[in-house]
Protein backbone atom coordinates (compact mmCIF):
# COMPACT_ATOMS: atom_id res chain seq x y z
CA MET A 1 0.01 -0.27 -0.20
CA CYS A 2 2.50 2.30 1.34
CA ARG A 3 4.37 2.44 -2.08
CA ASN A 4 2.09 3.88 -3.85
CA ILE A 5 2.16 7.30 -1.76
CA LYS A 6 4.41 9.81 -3.90
CA PRO A 7 6.84 12.67 -3.01
CA LEU A 8 4.50 15.90 -2.56
CA PHE A 9 7.95 18.06 -1.58
CA ASN A 10 9.49 20.52 -4.24
CA PHE A 11 6.94 20.45 -6.88
CA ASP A 12 5.64 22.80 -9.81
CA PRO A 13 2.80 23.25 -8.73
CA PRO A 14 2.83 22.48 -5.31
CA ALA A 15 1.31 19.48 -4.30
CA THR A 16 -3.22 19.91 -3.64
CA GLU A 17 -5.51 18.84 -0.30
CA GLN A 18 -5.90 16.27 -2.00
CA GLU A 19 -3.04 14.67 -2.69
CA ILE A 20 -1.52 15.41 0.43
CA ARG A 21 -4.92 13.84 2.08
CA ASP A 22 -5.21 11.04 -0.58
CA ALA A 23 -1.31 10.39 0.83
CA ALA A 24 -2.23 10.68 4.36
CA LEU A 25 -5.07 7.65 3.85
CA GLN A 26 -2.61 5.66 2.29
CA PHE A 27 -0.56 6.02 5.47
CA VAL A 28 -3.22 5.17 8.06
CA ARG A 29 -4.63 1.91 5.62
CA LYS A 30 -0.68 0.79 6.31
CA LEU A 31 -0.92 1.59 9.85
CA SER A 32 -4.05 -0.12 10.75
CA GLY A 33 -3.62 -3.24 8.34
CA THR A 34 -7.27 -1.90 6.55
CA THR A 35 -8.36 -0.40 3.72
CA LYS A 36 -12.10 0.68 5.03
CA PRO A 37 -12.63 0.83 9.08
CA SER A 38 -15.89 -1.15 10.39
CA LYS A 39 -18.07 1.34 11.43
CA ARG A 40 -16.81 1.52 15.03
CA ASN A 41 -13.76 2.82 13.75
CA GLU A 42 -14.63 4.93 11.31
CA ALA A 43 -14.51 8.01 12.81
CA ALA A 44 -11.18 7.18 14.38
CA PHE A 45 -9.89 6.62 10.81
CA GLU A 46 -10.42 10.05 9.21
CA HIS A 47 -9.57 12.13 12.60
CA ALA A 48 -6.03 10.14 12.08
CA VAL A 49 -5.88 10.88 8.46
CA VAL A 50 -7.33 14.67 9.09
CA SER A 51 -4.09 15.20 11.99
CA ILE A 52 -2.30 13.55 9.78
CA ALA A 53 -3.14 15.23 6.35
CA ALA A 54 -2.14 18.34 8.89
CA CYS A 55 1.22 17.37 9.79
CA ALA A 56 2.28 16.61 6.28
CA ARG A 57 0.72 20.20 5.25
CA GLU A 58 2.86 22.03 7.96
CA LEU A 59 6.12 19.92 7.32
CA LEU A 60 5.34 20.47 3.39
CA ASP A 61 5.36 24.39 4.01
CA SER A 62 8.39 24.38 6.30
CA LEU A 63 10.84 22.37 4.39
CA GLU A 64 13.51 24.40 2.28
CA THR A 65 15.65 23.71 -0.64
CA SER A 66 18.01 25.10 -3.43
CA HIS A 67 16.92 22.38 -5.80
CA PRO A 68 14.59 24.19 -8.93
CA PRO A 69 11.13 22.50 -8.25
CA HIS A 70 10.43 19.48 -10.03
CA ASN A 71 8.34 19.55 -13.33
CA ARG A 72 5.62 17.12 -12.61
CA GLU A 73 5.32 16.13 -16.43
CA GLY A 74 8.65 15.38 -16.50
CA VAL A 75 8.75 13.29 -13.16
CA ALA A 76 5.65 11.38 -14.73
CA ALA A 77 7.28 10.98 -17.59
CA LYS A 78 10.06 9.17 -16.31
CA ALA A 79 8.13 6.83 -14.28
CA ARG A 80 6.18 6.22 -17.57
CA SER A 81 9.35 5.10 -19.00
CA ARG A 82 10.39 3.32 -16.27
CA ASN A 83 7.30 1.28 -16.01
CA LEU A 84 7.32 0.51 -20.07
CA THR A 85 10.91 -0.84 -19.54
CA ARG A 86 10.11 -2.66 -16.09
CA PHE A 87 7.33 -4.33 -17.05
CA ALA A 88 7.77 -4.56 -21.23
């Protein structure tokens, strides 16, 4: 599950709230060992996703780098290229 979490720092345009929430959801799923919580645990699951997303946003906003931002299209093209060679 966690291998689906993509780096979100230093991209142009910056990571969206949805991308951060998706990464937090994957993280909570990995920790809890479930993709969909029971009704009893739904509130705790959602609270964890919201809390982790907020921490992730705070982290991304506080990080600094001297490296120029990555181009999202360029990174996606590299990934597609690697996948073609890997799965061909």
